[in-house]
Amino acid sequence: MGPAGGAARRRAGNARAGRRDPSRGHGPRCQQLGSRSEWYHAGRRGYDQIVPGDTPRVRFEFSAGGLVLDDQGRVLLIRARDLRGQPVWTLPKGALASGETNTDAALREVREETGYRCEVVRELEPVTYWFRRDGRQIKKTVHWYLMRPLEKVGEHDHEVDEVLWADRNDALARLRYDSDRRLLSGA
């Protein structure tokens, strides 16, 4: 039997064992990211963290980030670089540090990547997606929080080229990733 037959056997075995096939549908709470660069940027740090449930073939990663809206409804965006070194407008997010809560990680990442100290208004729907890195399936979950800025406390870090306040329509036009646009549209 060829490679297609092997894949069919694997899917059938996964179904019998009660496992989801990561190459198939992701369920209503999950959103698939559209490009390799989006996958990379969403999970660019924390690769060395071991998470319970990791196997040689599947790894679980967690990040947190903030959708920051000011009193005029403007959105705080960052411009970073994708895998090809091309500029990409996105929302601030990053990996959880050891022992850090999702909320604390989101606040820290926003402060580091934008220079703004913020407060959480409410938790948003997490975004979960699968991708492949170094021959391994990665299941990435990003915990998002709606935030409002309190004060500018410094400059952005070296991972960010630029920070920009944009009105909602401009932000939707600039954001590279579908998942970021869906998050902003739903907030």
C-alpha atoms as a PDB file:
ATOM      1  CA  MET A   1       0.000   0.000   0.000  1.00  0.00           C
ATOM      2  CA  GLY A   2       1.352   3.478  -0.881  1.00  0.00           C
ATOM      3  CA  PRO A   3       1.733   6.587   1.278  1.00  0.00           C
ATOM      4  CA  ALA A   4      -1.962   7.451   0.933  1.00  0.00           C
ATOM      5  CA  GLY A   5      -2.889   4.035   2.316  1.00  0.00           C
ATOM      6  CA  GLY A   6      -0.550   4.564   5.273  1.00  0.00           C
ATOM      7  CA  ALA A   7      -2.190   7.897   6.040  1.00  0.00           C
ATOM      8  CA  ALA A   8      -5.631   6.267   5.907  1.00  0.00           C
ATOM      9  CA  ARG A   9      -4.496   3.526   8.308  1.00  0.00           C
ATOM     10  CA  ARG A  10      -3.049   6.160  10.659  1.00  0.00           C
ATOM     11  CA  ARG A  11      -6.299   8.170  10.628  1.00  0.00           C
ATOM     12  CA  ALA A  12      -8.341   5.031  11.306  1.00  0.00           C
ATOM     13  CA  GLY A  13      -6.021   4.075  14.185  1.00  0.00           C
ATOM     14  CA  ASN A  14      -6.249   7.574  15.628  1.00  0.00           C
ATOM     15  CA  ALA A  15     -10.050   7.456  15.432  1.00  0.00           C
ATOM     16  CA  ARG A  16     -10.154   4.062  17.195  1.00  0.00           C
ATOM     17  CA  ALA A  17      -7.842   5.394  19.928  1.00  0.00           C
ATOM     18  CA  GLY A  18      -9.950   8.544  20.364  1.00  0.00           C
ATOM     19  CA  ARG A  19      -7.214  10.862  19.063  1.00  0.00           C
ATOM     20  CA  ARG A  20      -7.887  13.739  16.700  1.00  0.00           C
ATOM     21  CA  ASP A  21      -5.964  13.869  13.461  1.00  0.00           C
ATOM     22  CA  PRO A  22      -4.172  17.259  13.435  1.00  0.00           C
ATOM     23  CA  SER A  23      -4.280  17.392   9.652  1.00  0.00           C
ATOM     24  CA  ARG A  24      -8.103  17.355   9.689  1.00  0.00           C
ATOM     25  CA  GLY A  25     -10.752  19.775  11.008  1.00  0.00           C
ATOM     26  CA  HIS A  26      -9.896  21.680  14.143  1.00  0.00           C
ATOM     27  CA  GLY A  27     -13.290  22.123  15.793  1.00  0.00           C
ATOM     28  CA  PRO A  28     -15.320  25.261  16.452  1.00  0.00           C
ATOM     29  CA  ARG A  29     -12.991  26.825  19.054  1.00  0.00           C
ATOM     30  CA  CYS A  30      -9.865  26.494  16.927  1.00  0.00           C
ATOM     31  CA  GLN A  31      -8.604  28.711  14.163  1.00  0.00           C
ATOM     32  CA  GLN A  32      -6.066  27.667  11.544  1.00  0.00           C
ATOM     33  CA  LEU A  33      -3.347  30.159  10.802  1.00  0.00           C
ATOM     34  CA  GLY A  34      -2.686  30.802   7.159  1.00  0.00           C
ATOM     35  CA  SER A  35       1.056  30.902   6.573  1.00  0.00           C
ATOM     36  CA  ARG A  36       4.304  29.446   7.807  1.00  0.00           C
ATOM     37  CA  SER A  37       5.454  32.932   8.856  1.00  0.00           C
ATOM     38  CA  GLU A  38       2.287  33.375  10.921  1.00  0.00           C
ATOM     39  CA  TRP A  39       2.925  30.078  12.666  1.00  0.00           C
ATOM     40  CA  TYR A  40       6.510  31.097  13.346  1.00  0.00           C
ATOM     41  CA  HIS A  41       5.695  34.553  14.678  1.00  0.00           C
ATOM     42  CA  ALA A  42       2.927  33.230  16.914  1.00  0.00           C
ATOM     43  CA  GLY A  43       5.276  30.780  18.602  1.00  0.00           C
ATOM     44  CA  ARG A  44       8.692  32.328  18.181  1.00  0.00           C
ATOM     45  CA  ARG A  45       9.839  31.782  21.771  1.00  0.00           C
ATOM     46  CA  GLY A  46       9.542  29.076  24.370  1.00  0.00           C
ATOM     47  CA  TYR A  47      10.511  26.139  22.147  1.00  0.00           C
ATOM     48  CA  ASP A  48      12.641  24.639  24.914  1.00  0.00           C
ATOM     49  CA  GLN A  49       9.802  24.441  27.434  1.00  0.00           C
ATOM     50  CA  ILE A  50       8.639  20.879  28.054  1.00  0.00           C
ATOM     51  CA  VAL A  51       4.892  20.598  28.553  1.00  0.00           C
ATOM     52  CA  PRO A  52       3.108  17.573  30.043  1.00  0.00           C
ATOM     53  CA  GLY A  53       1.719  15.535  27.175  1.00  0.00           C
ATOM     54  CA  ASP A  54       4.603  16.275  24.786  1.00  0.00           C
ATOM     55  CA  THR A  55       5.670  13.250  22.769  1.00  0.00           C
ATOM     56  CA  PRO A  56       8.425  12.771  20.199  1.00  0.00           C
ATOM     57  CA  ARG A  57       5.830  13.520  17.479  1.00  0.00           C
ATOM     58  CA  VAL A  58       3.568  16.145  19.108  1.00  0.00           C
ATOM     59  CA  ARG A  59       4.456  19.198  21.159  1.00  0.00           C
ATOM     60  CA  PHE A  60       2.103  21.547  23.024  1.00  0.00           C
ATOM     61  CA  GLU A  61       2.971  25.250  23.205  1.00  0.00           C
ATOM     62  CA  PHE A  62       1.203  28.114  24.959  1.00  0.00           C
ATOM     63  CA  SER A  63       1.393  31.874  24.475  1.00  0.00           C
ATOM     64  CA  ALA A  64      -0.506  34.905  25.666  1.00  0.00           C
ATOM     65  CA  GLY A  65      -1.104  38.311  24.149  1.00  0.00           C
ATOM     66  CA  GLY A  66      -3.099  41.480  24.232  1.00  0.00           C
ATOM     67  CA  LEU A  67      -5.526  43.266  21.973  1.00  0.00           C
ATOM     68  CA  VAL A  68      -4.959  46.803  23.257  1.00  0.00           C
ATOM     69  CA  LEU A  69      -7.639  49.421  22.519  1.00  0.00           C
ATOM     70  CA  ASP A  70      -7.390  53.020  23.719  1.00  0.00           C
ATOM     71  CA  ASP A  71     -10.272  55.352  24.646  1.00  0.00           C
ATOM     72  CA  GLN A  72     -10.620  56.471  20.995  1.00  0.00           C
ATOM     73  CA  GLY A  73     -10.932  52.851  19.804  1.00  0.00           C
ATOM     74  CA  ARG A  74      -7.459  52.761  18.261  1.00  0.00           C
ATOM     75  CA  VAL A  75      -5.567  49.453  18.198  1.00  0.00           C
ATOM     76  CA  LEU A  76      -1.961  49.006  19.323  1.00  0.00           C
ATOM     77  CA  LEU A  77      -0.018  47.139  16.609  1.00  0.00           C
ATOM     78  CA  ILE A  78       3.568  45.956  16.386  1.00  0.00           C
ATOM     79  CA  ARG A  79       5.690  45.490  13.289  1.00  0.00           C
ATOM     80  CA  ALA A  80       8.008  42.507  13.571  1.00  0.00           C
ATOM     81  CA  ARG A  81       9.723  40.211  11.038  1.00  0.00           C
ATOM     82  CA  ASP A  82       8.489  36.914   9.609  1.00  0.00           C
ATOM     83  CA  LEU A  83      10.661  33.867   8.779  1.00  0.00           C
ATOM     84  CA  ARG A  84      11.779  35.451   5.525  1.00  0.00           C
ATOM     85  CA  GLY A  85      12.750  38.654   7.306  1.00  0.00           C
ATOM     86  CA  GLN A  86       9.815  40.554   5.829  1.00  0.00           C
ATOM     87  CA  PRO A  87       7.970  43.125   7.968  1.00  0.00           C
ATOM     88  CA  VAL A  88       4.630  41.986   9.362  1.00  0.00           C
ATOM     89  CA  TRP A  89       2.026  43.925  11.365  1.00  0.00           C
ATOM     90  CA  THR A  90       0.548  41.860  14.183  1.00  0.00           C
ATOM     91  CA  LEU A  91      -0.600  42.000  17.810  1.00  0.00           C
ATOM     92  CA  PRO A  92       1.785  41.675  20.770  1.00  0.00           C
ATOM     93  CA  LYS A  93       2.072  38.139  22.143  1.00  0.00           C
ATOM     94  CA  GLY A  94       4.635  35.619  23.306  1.00  0.00           C
ATOM     95  CA  ALA A  95       5.463  32.503  25.271  1.00  0.00           C
ATOM     96  CA  LEU A  96       4.700  32.026  28.939  1.00  0.00           C
ATOM     97  CA  ALA A  97       7.682  32.091  31.296  1.00  0.00           C
ATOM     98  CA  SER A  98       8.025  29.250  33.776  1.00  0.00           C
ATOM     99  CA  GLY A  99       5.359  29.538  36.495  1.00  0.00           C
ATOM    100  CA  GLU A 100       3.702  32.553  34.860  1.00  0.00           C
ATOM    101  CA  THR A 101      -0.080  32.815  34.488  1.00  0.00           C
ATOM    102  CA  ASN A 102      -1.655  33.521  31.107  1.00  0.00           C
ATOM    103  CA  THR A 103      -2.741  36.973  32.293  1.00  0.00           C
ATOM    104  CA  ASP A 104       0.688  37.881  33.665  1.00  0.00           C
ATOM    105  CA  ALA A 105       2.376  36.657  30.476  1.00  0.00           C
ATOM    106  CA  ALA A 106       0.032  38.707  28.285  1.00  0.00           C
ATOM    107  CA  LEU A 107       0.638  41.875  30.324  1.00  0.00           C
ATOM    108  CA  ARG A 108       4.413  41.288  30.291  1.00  0.00           C
ATOM    109  CA  GLU A 109       4.533  40.612  26.548  1.00  0.00           C
ATOM    110  CA  VAL A 110       2.524  43.748  25.759  1.00  0.00           C
ATOM    111  CA  ARG A 111       4.800  45.832  28.005  1.00  0.00           C
ATOM    112  CA  GLU A 112       7.990  44.349  26.496  1.00  0.00           C
ATOM    113  CA  GLU A 113       6.891  44.542  22.870  1.00  0.00           C
ATOM    114  CA  THR A 114       5.161  47.933  22.971  1.00  0.00           C
ATOM    115  CA  GLY A 115       6.489  49.856  25.976  1.00  0.00           C
ATOM    116  CA  TYR A 116       2.946  50.282  27.373  1.00  0.00           C
ATOM    117  CA  ARG A 117       1.748  49.172  30.791  1.00  0.00           C
ATOM    118  CA  CYS A 118      -1.842  47.981  30.403  1.00  0.00           C
ATOM    119  CA  GLU A 119      -4.688  46.495  32.371  1.00  0.00           C
ATOM    120  CA  VAL A 120      -6.867  43.572  31.372  1.00  0.00           C
ATOM    121  CA  VAL A 121     -10.471  44.447  30.528  1.00  0.00           C
ATOM    122  CA  ARG A 122     -11.576  40.870  29.833  1.00  0.00           C
ATOM    123  CA  GLU A 123     -10.377  37.540  28.536  1.00  0.00           C
ATOM    124  CA  LEU A 124     -11.007  36.810  24.855  1.00  0.00           C
ATOM    125  CA  GLU A 125     -11.487  33.475  23.132  1.00  0.00           C
ATOM    126  CA  PRO A 126      -8.190  31.553  22.892  1.00  0.00           C
ATOM    127  CA  VAL A 127      -6.893  30.703  19.432  1.00  0.00           C
ATOM    128  CA  THR A 128      -5.603  27.155  18.873  1.00  0.00           C
ATOM    129  CA  TYR A 129      -3.909  25.857  15.771  1.00  0.00           C
ATOM    130  CA  TRP A 130      -1.633  23.074  14.551  1.00  0.00           C
ATOM    131  CA  PHE A 131       1.554  23.432  12.539  1.00  0.00           C
ATOM    132  CA  ARG A 132       4.692  21.454  11.752  1.00  0.00           C
ATOM    133  CA  ARG A 133       8.210  22.411  12.873  1.00  0.00           C
ATOM    134  CA  ASP A 134      11.324  20.242  12.535  1.00  0.00           C
ATOM    135  CA  GLY A 135       9.241  17.196  11.601  1.00  0.00           C
ATOM    136  CA  ARG A 136       7.022  17.516  14.658  1.00  0.00           C
ATOM    137  CA  GLN A 137       3.344  18.436  14.980  1.00  0.00           C
ATOM    138  CA  ILE A 138       2.902  21.478  17.229  1.00  0.00           C
ATOM    139  CA  LYS A 139      -0.396  22.342  18.879  1.00  0.00           C
ATOM    140  CA  LYS A 140      -0.242  26.030  19.787  1.00  0.00           C
ATOM    141  CA  THR A 141      -2.769  27.819  21.986  1.00  0.00           C
ATOM    142  CA  VAL A 142      -2.667  31.603  22.364  1.00  0.00           C
ATOM    143  CA  HIS A 143      -4.630  33.087  25.271  1.00  0.00           C
ATOM    144  CA  TRP A 144      -5.830  36.575  24.326  1.00  0.00           C
ATOM    145  CA  TYR A 145      -6.931  39.465  26.531  1.00  0.00           C
ATOM    146  CA  LEU A 146      -8.657  42.710  25.686  1.00  0.00           C
ATOM    147  CA  MET A 147      -6.597  45.465  27.336  1.00  0.00           C
ATOM    148  CA  ARG A 148      -6.538  49.194  27.773  1.00  0.00           C
ATOM    149  CA  PRO A 149      -3.321  51.195  28.092  1.00  0.00           C
ATOM    150  CA  LEU A 150      -2.470  52.842  31.404  1.00  0.00           C
ATOM    151  CA  GLU A 151       0.828  54.545  30.605  1.00  0.00           C
ATOM    152  CA  LYS A 152       3.854  54.529  28.342  1.00  0.00           C
ATOM    153  CA  VAL A 153       6.688  53.090  30.459  1.00  0.00           C
ATOM    154  CA  GLY A 154       9.499  52.597  27.970  1.00  0.00           C
ATOM    155  CA  GLU A 155      10.476  51.612  24.473  1.00  0.00           C
ATOM    156  CA  HIS A 156       9.657  48.407  22.636  1.00  0.00           C
ATOM    157  CA  ASP A 157      12.175  45.565  22.734  1.00  0.00           C
ATOM    158  CA  HIS A 158      14.562  44.410  20.002  1.00  0.00           C
ATOM    159  CA  GLU A 159      12.074  41.903  18.527  1.00  0.00           C
ATOM    160  CA  VAL A 160       9.826  44.735  17.352  1.00  0.00           C
ATOM    161  CA  ASP A 161      10.663  47.218  14.586  1.00  0.00           C
ATOM    162  CA  GLU A 162       7.828  49.662  15.230  1.00  0.00           C
ATOM    163  CA  VAL A 163       4.777  50.270  17.421  1.00  0.00           C
ATOM    164  CA  LEU A 164       1.733  52.008  15.959  1.00  0.00           C
ATOM    165  CA  TRP A 165      -1.692  53.168  17.145  1.00  0.00           C
ATOM    166  CA  ALA A 166      -4.121  52.578  14.266  1.00  0.00           C
ATOM    167  CA  ASP A 167      -7.843  53.117  13.911  1.00  0.00           C
ATOM    168  CA  ARG A 168      -9.818  49.885  13.566  1.00  0.00           C
ATOM    169  CA  ASN A 169     -10.141  49.988   9.745  1.00  0.00           C
ATOM    170  CA  ASP A 170      -6.456  50.809   9.273  1.00  0.00           C
ATOM    171  CA  ALA A 171      -5.520  48.033  11.710  1.00  0.00           C
ATOM    172  CA  LEU A 172      -7.683  45.501   9.848  1.00  0.00           C
ATOM    173  CA  ALA A 173      -5.984  46.506   6.592  1.00  0.00           C
ATOM    174  CA  ARG A 174      -2.470  46.306   8.072  1.00  0.00           C
ATOM    175  CA  LEU A 175      -2.730  43.076  10.074  1.00  0.00           C
ATOM    176  CA  ARG A 176      -1.083  40.260   8.133  1.00  0.00           C
ATOM    177  CA  TYR A 177      -2.689  37.292   9.857  1.00  0.00           C
ATOM    178  CA  ASP A 178      -6.314  36.225   9.495  1.00  0.00           C
ATOM    179  CA  SER A 179      -6.431  35.158  13.149  1.00  0.00           C
ATOM    180  CA  ASP A 180      -5.465  38.696  14.268  1.00  0.00           C
ATOM    181  CA  ARG A 181      -8.134  40.236  12.019  1.00  0.00           C
ATOM    182  CA  ARG A 182     -10.777  37.809  13.340  1.00  0.00           C
ATOM    183  CA  LEU A 183      -9.785  38.624  16.915  1.00  0.00           C
ATOM    184  CA  LEU A 184     -10.076  42.379  16.295  1.00  0.00           C
ATOM    185  CA  SER A 185     -13.358  42.015  14.399  1.00  0.00           C
ATOM    186  CA  GLY A 186     -14.884  40.013  17.237  1.00  0.00           C
ATOM    187  CA  ALA A 187     -13.782  42.333  20.066  1.00  0.00           C
END
